[in-house]
Amino acid sequence: RASAIAQDADQNYDYASNSVVLHLDSGDEVYVKLDGGKAHGGNNNKYSTFSGFLLYPD
């Protein structure tokens, strides 16, 4: 399990960046989750991106 936390910078834009390398098996799921109903920013412009890469097959 990997977790990351970002703090509100009290500016117009908040951002965070994290990375993790995991060994996954067929059927495993990876996702981005927003805990506790919290989101950065006070407007409706909330964006999130996710990228995954296979480093090498087993």
Foldseek 3Di string as FASTA:
>chain_A
DDDDDFDAPPDQDGDDDDDDDDDDDPPDDDDDDDPPPDAHHDDPPGDDDDDDDDPDDD
